[in-house]
Amino acid sequence: MADERPLYEDSQLLVDYLPNGIKEHFLLIKPDGNYLLPRGCLEKFATTSRDELELEIENISRNMIYEARERGLGVADLCLAIAQAYIEEERRKEINISKMKYRQSMAIE
């Protein structure tokens, strides 16, 4: 059974898979600022140095940073949300791999 919880959510931000998308994600600056995060962006943003992150986010959407600042959030807040979402995605992948290996080992016996 798939985990139905978002990859990351707090009172102001939500990061999750794009519904019906294949590996794409979205970031919601609550209540209504939706931004598409193309495939690979979670890892790229999570592994980008803090001093380069603003430029990387601007390459996706200048409005994302503007809207975040309008709501009292900074680039560091976006970075934290994206990094935590990436960590959660990787954790879920590891769990799925472990389950698959267990099933395979049980089928062999």
C-alpha atoms as a PDB file:
ATOM      1  CA  MET A   1       0.000   0.000   0.000  1.00  0.00           C
ATOM      2  CA  ALA A   2       1.350   3.404  -0.994  1.00  0.00           C
ATOM      3  CA  ASP A   3       1.991   6.073   1.602  1.00  0.00           C
ATOM      4  CA  GLU A   4      -0.761   8.657   1.231  1.00  0.00           C
ATOM      5  CA  ARG A   5       0.977  11.360   3.279  1.00  0.00           C
ATOM      6  CA  PRO A   6       2.682  14.214   1.418  1.00  0.00           C
ATOM      7  CA  LEU A   7       6.452  14.039   1.156  1.00  0.00           C
ATOM      8  CA  TYR A   8       6.634  17.226   3.236  1.00  0.00           C
ATOM      9  CA  GLU A   9       4.026  19.442   4.849  1.00  0.00           C
ATOM     10  CA  ASP A  10       4.032  22.195   7.435  1.00  0.00           C
ATOM     11  CA  SER A  11       1.675  25.089   8.115  1.00  0.00           C
ATOM     12  CA  GLN A  12       2.869  27.069   5.069  1.00  0.00           C
ATOM     13  CA  LEU A  13       4.384  24.610   2.573  1.00  0.00           C
ATOM     14  CA  LEU A  14       3.533  21.270   1.018  1.00  0.00           C
ATOM     15  CA  VAL A  15       5.679  19.179  -1.335  1.00  0.00           C
ATOM     16  CA  ASP A  16       4.314  16.024  -2.921  1.00  0.00           C
ATOM     17  CA  TYR A  17       3.999  14.027  -6.106  1.00  0.00           C
ATOM     18  CA  LEU A  18       2.056  15.642  -8.914  1.00  0.00           C
ATOM     19  CA  PRO A  19      -1.266  13.778  -9.196  1.00  0.00           C
ATOM     20  CA  ASN A  20      -1.128  11.506 -12.247  1.00  0.00           C
ATOM     21  CA  GLY A  21       2.454  12.598 -12.849  1.00  0.00           C
ATOM     22  CA  ILE A  22       5.392  10.314 -13.391  1.00  0.00           C
ATOM     23  CA  LYS A  23       8.081  11.390 -10.944  1.00  0.00           C
ATOM     24  CA  GLU A  24       7.141  15.062 -11.127  1.00  0.00           C
ATOM     25  CA  HIS A  25       6.494  16.944  -7.912  1.00  0.00           C
ATOM     26  CA  PHE A  26       4.772  20.135  -6.908  1.00  0.00           C
ATOM     27  CA  LEU A  27       5.343  22.685  -4.200  1.00  0.00           C
ATOM     28  CA  LEU A  28       2.369  24.457  -2.669  1.00  0.00           C
ATOM     29  CA  ILE A  29       2.901  27.740  -0.874  1.00  0.00           C
ATOM     30  CA  LYS A  30      -0.330  27.714   1.095  1.00  0.00           C
ATOM     31  CA  PRO A  31      -3.073  28.520   0.440  1.00  0.00           C
ATOM     32  CA  ASP A  32      -2.912  28.591  -3.360  1.00  0.00           C
ATOM     33  CA  GLY A  33       0.593  29.040  -4.803  1.00  0.00           C
ATOM     34  CA  ASN A  34       1.156  25.861  -6.824  1.00  0.00           C
ATOM     35  CA  TYR A  35       4.501  25.298  -8.561  1.00  0.00           C
ATOM     36  CA  LEU A  36       5.561  22.356 -10.713  1.00  0.00           C
ATOM     37  CA  LEU A  37       8.925  20.882  -9.771  1.00  0.00           C
ATOM     38  CA  PRO A  38      10.111  18.984 -12.869  1.00  0.00           C
ATOM     39  CA  ARG A  39      11.648  15.530 -12.629  1.00  0.00           C
ATOM     40  CA  GLY A  40      14.940  15.566 -10.743  1.00  0.00           C
ATOM     41  CA  CYS A  41      14.380  18.915  -9.011  1.00  0.00           C
ATOM     42  CA  LEU A  42      14.004  17.530  -5.487  1.00  0.00           C
ATOM     43  CA  GLU A  43      17.427  15.916  -5.607  1.00  0.00           C
ATOM     44  CA  LYS A  44      18.985  18.867  -7.416  1.00  0.00           C
ATOM     45  CA  PHE A  45      17.623  21.419  -4.944  1.00  0.00           C
ATOM     46  CA  ALA A  46      18.362  19.234  -1.917  1.00  0.00           C
ATOM     47  CA  THR A  47      22.003  18.844  -2.967  1.00  0.00           C
ATOM     48  CA  THR A  48      22.627  22.423  -4.151  1.00  0.00           C
ATOM     49  CA  SER A  49      24.659  24.677  -1.886  1.00  0.00           C
ATOM     50  CA  ARG A  50      22.661  27.323  -0.077  1.00  0.00           C
ATOM     51  CA  ASP A  51      24.399  30.186  -1.880  1.00  0.00           C
ATOM     52  CA  GLU A  52      23.396  28.774  -5.297  1.00  0.00           C
ATOM     53  CA  LEU A  53      19.893  27.633  -4.378  1.00  0.00           C
ATOM     54  CA  GLU A  54      18.080  30.896  -5.075  1.00  0.00           C
ATOM     55  CA  LEU A  55      19.403  30.943  -8.650  1.00  0.00           C
ATOM     56  CA  GLU A  56      18.376  27.302  -9.149  1.00  0.00           C
ATOM     57  CA  ILE A  57      14.850  28.016  -7.907  1.00  0.00           C
ATOM     58  CA  GLU A  58      14.636  31.125 -10.107  1.00  0.00           C
ATOM     59  CA  ASN A  59      15.450  28.931 -13.104  1.00  0.00           C
ATOM     60  CA  ILE A  60      12.206  27.077 -12.372  1.00  0.00           C
ATOM     61  CA  SER A  61      10.084  30.061 -11.300  1.00  0.00           C
ATOM     62  CA  ARG A  62      10.907  33.584 -10.174  1.00  0.00           C
ATOM     63  CA  ASN A  63       7.392  33.817  -8.822  1.00  0.00           C
ATOM     64  CA  MET A  64       8.038  31.006  -6.332  1.00  0.00           C
ATOM     65  CA  ILE A  65      10.601  33.052  -4.415  1.00  0.00           C
ATOM     66  CA  TYR A  66       8.535  36.238  -4.692  1.00  0.00           C
ATOM     67  CA  GLU A  67       5.418  34.512  -3.367  1.00  0.00           C
ATOM     68  CA  ALA A  68       7.363  32.824  -0.567  1.00  0.00           C
ATOM     69  CA  ARG A  69       8.752  36.186   0.532  1.00  0.00           C
ATOM     70  CA  GLU A  70       5.282  37.749   0.364  1.00  0.00           C
ATOM     71  CA  ARG A  71       4.165  35.090   2.856  1.00  0.00           C
ATOM     72  CA  GLY A  72       7.112  35.669   5.189  1.00  0.00           C
ATOM     73  CA  LEU A  73       9.171  32.721   3.968  1.00  0.00           C
ATOM     74  CA  GLY A  74      12.733  32.785   2.755  1.00  0.00           C
ATOM     75  CA  VAL A  75      14.802  30.696   0.388  1.00  0.00           C
ATOM     76  CA  ALA A  76      16.010  28.708   3.413  1.00  0.00           C
ATOM     77  CA  ASP A  77      12.397  27.723   4.179  1.00  0.00           C
ATOM     78  CA  LEU A  78      11.910  26.486   0.613  1.00  0.00           C
ATOM     79  CA  CYS A  79      15.244  24.666   0.822  1.00  0.00           C
ATOM     80  CA  LEU A  80      14.274  22.929   4.051  1.00  0.00           C
ATOM     81  CA  ALA A  81      10.905  21.805   2.659  1.00  0.00           C
ATOM     82  CA  ILE A  82      12.454  20.483  -0.541  1.00  0.00           C
ATOM     83  CA  ALA A  83      15.322  18.743   1.261  1.00  0.00           C
ATOM     84  CA  GLN A  84      12.933  17.101   3.737  1.00  0.00           C
ATOM     85  CA  ALA A  85      10.707  15.976   0.844  1.00  0.00           C
ATOM     86  CA  TYR A  86      13.729  14.469  -0.905  1.00  0.00           C
ATOM     87  CA  ILE A  87      14.790  12.650   2.274  1.00  0.00           C
ATOM     88  CA  GLU A  88      11.268  11.264   2.702  1.00  0.00           C
ATOM     89  CA  GLU A  89      11.150  10.147  -0.934  1.00  0.00           C
ATOM     90  CA  GLU A  90      14.462   8.323  -0.535  1.00  0.00           C
ATOM     91  CA  ARG A  91      13.251   6.712   2.710  1.00  0.00           C
ATOM     92  CA  ARG A  92      10.143   5.420   0.943  1.00  0.00           C
ATOM     93  CA  LYS A  93      12.250   4.044  -1.918  1.00  0.00           C
ATOM     94  CA  GLU A  94      14.439   2.159   0.564  1.00  0.00           C
ATOM     95  CA  ILE A  95      11.387   0.674   2.269  1.00  0.00           C
ATOM     96  CA  ASN A  96       9.997  -0.463  -1.084  1.00  0.00           C
ATOM     97  CA  ILE A  97      13.332  -2.006  -2.089  1.00  0.00           C
ATOM     98  CA  SER A  98      13.518  -3.843   1.236  1.00  0.00           C
ATOM     99  CA  LYS A  99       9.983  -5.178   0.806  1.00  0.00           C
ATOM    100  CA  MET A 100      10.738  -6.315  -2.732  1.00  0.00           C
ATOM    101  CA  LYS A 101      13.920  -8.114  -1.623  1.00  0.00           C
ATOM    102  CA  TYR A 102      12.013  -9.796   1.198  1.00  0.00           C
ATOM    103  CA  ARG A 103       9.294 -10.994  -1.187  1.00  0.00           C
ATOM    104  CA  GLN A 104      11.914 -12.320  -3.581  1.00  0.00           C
ATOM    105  CA  SER A 105      13.696 -14.179  -0.803  1.00  0.00           C
ATOM    106  CA  MET A 106      10.395 -15.716   0.341  1.00  0.00           C
ATOM    107  CA  ALA A 107       9.600 -16.843  -3.224  1.00  0.00           C
ATOM    108  CA  ILE A 108      12.969 -18.612  -3.489  1.00  0.00           C
ATOM    109  CA  GLU A 109      12.411 -20.665  -0.339  1.00  0.00           C
END
